[in-house]
Amino acid sequence: MSGEDDAVTSPDQRKAGNPRLDHIGAVVAVALLLLLLVGDHANGTEVAWVCGSSAVLLTAVAVDLLLRRNGLRS
């Protein structure tokens, strides 16, 4: 019955984290991932995974910045 006592909030009432720290963290993670490419590689599988993961993170940051700039995301 603890669910009945909880306040109901809408998504716009919840406090978001700090988006600037999120962006910095993602860029640092991309830099660390790209450092994994230094050295010998037996095949291209790990290169594909590292580059793909980095691309996904950078795309997420770019889309978030674009949405925030256009006012579509708070």
Protein backbone atom coordinates (compact mmCIF):
# COMPACT_ATOMS: atom_id res chain seq x y z
CA MET A 1 0.00 0.00 0.00
CA SER A 2 2.99 2.29 -0.11
CA GLY A 3 2.13 3.24 -3.70
CA GLU A 4 -0.98 5.12 -2.59
CA ASP A 5 1.00 7.61 -0.51
CA ASP A 6 3.40 8.60 -3.29
CA ALA A 7 2.79 11.90 -5.02
CA VAL A 8 1.95 11.73 -8.70
CA THR A 9 4.17 13.96 -10.83
CA SER A 10 4.25 14.68 -14.51
CA PRO A 11 7.49 14.46 -16.51
CA ASP A 12 7.88 18.25 -16.63
CA GLN A 13 7.85 18.43 -12.81
CA ARG A 14 10.80 16.09 -12.39
CA LYS A 15 14.21 17.68 -12.12
CA ALA A 16 16.59 16.71 -14.86
CA GLY A 17 20.29 16.20 -14.40
CA ASN A 18 22.94 18.54 -15.67
CA PRO A 19 23.00 18.17 -19.48
CA ARG A 20 26.39 19.86 -19.78
CA LEU A 21 27.98 17.22 -17.54
CA ASP A 22 26.24 14.51 -19.55
CA HIS A 23 27.69 15.88 -22.78
CA ILE A 24 31.17 16.21 -21.31
CA GLY A 25 30.97 12.66 -19.96
CA ALA A 26 29.93 11.31 -23.35
CA VAL A 27 32.77 13.11 -25.14
CA VAL A 28 35.28 11.84 -22.56
CA ALA A 29 33.92 8.31 -23.03
CA VAL A 30 34.35 8.65 -26.81
CA ALA A 31 37.94 9.82 -26.31
CA LEU A 32 38.67 6.84 -24.06
CA LEU A 33 37.05 4.46 -26.54
CA LEU A 34 39.14 5.84 -29.37
CA LEU A 35 42.28 5.34 -27.27
CA LEU A 36 41.49 1.63 -27.43
CA LEU A 37 42.33 1.72 -31.13
CA VAL A 38 46.00 2.36 -30.38
CA GLY A 39 47.96 -0.86 -30.72
CA ASP A 40 47.88 -4.05 -32.74
CA HIS A 41 44.59 -5.51 -33.89
CA ALA A 42 44.21 -9.01 -35.25
CA ASN A 43 41.04 -8.20 -37.16
CA GLY A 44 38.61 -5.35 -37.67
CA THR A 45 35.85 -6.55 -35.36
CA GLU A 46 36.99 -4.55 -32.34
CA VAL A 47 37.62 -1.52 -34.53
CA ALA A 48 34.06 -1.69 -35.82
CA TRP A 49 32.61 -1.98 -32.29
CA VAL A 50 34.71 0.87 -30.90
CA CYS A 51 33.96 3.16 -33.85
CA GLY A 52 30.28 2.23 -33.81
CA SER A 53 29.96 2.87 -30.08
CA SER A 54 31.73 6.20 -30.44
CA ALA A 55 29.48 7.18 -33.32
CA VAL A 56 26.35 6.34 -31.33
CA LEU A 57 27.51 8.45 -28.37
CA LEU A 58 28.46 11.41 -30.55
CA THR A 59 25.17 11.18 -32.45
CA ALA A 60 23.22 11.20 -29.19
CA VAL A 61 25.08 14.31 -28.00
CA ALA A 62 24.58 16.06 -31.35
CA VAL A 63 20.85 15.28 -31.44
CA ASP A 64 20.41 16.43 -27.85
CA LEU A 65 22.23 19.70 -28.55
CA LEU A 66 20.16 20.27 -31.68
CA LEU A 67 16.88 19.63 -29.86
CA ARG A 68 17.87 21.92 -26.99
CA ARG A 69 18.93 24.67 -29.39
CA ASN A 70 15.59 24.50 -31.17
CA GLY A 71 13.67 24.52 -27.89
CA LEU A 72 12.19 21.07 -28.35
CA ARG A 73 13.79 19.75 -25.20
CA SER A 74 14.24 21.41 -21.83
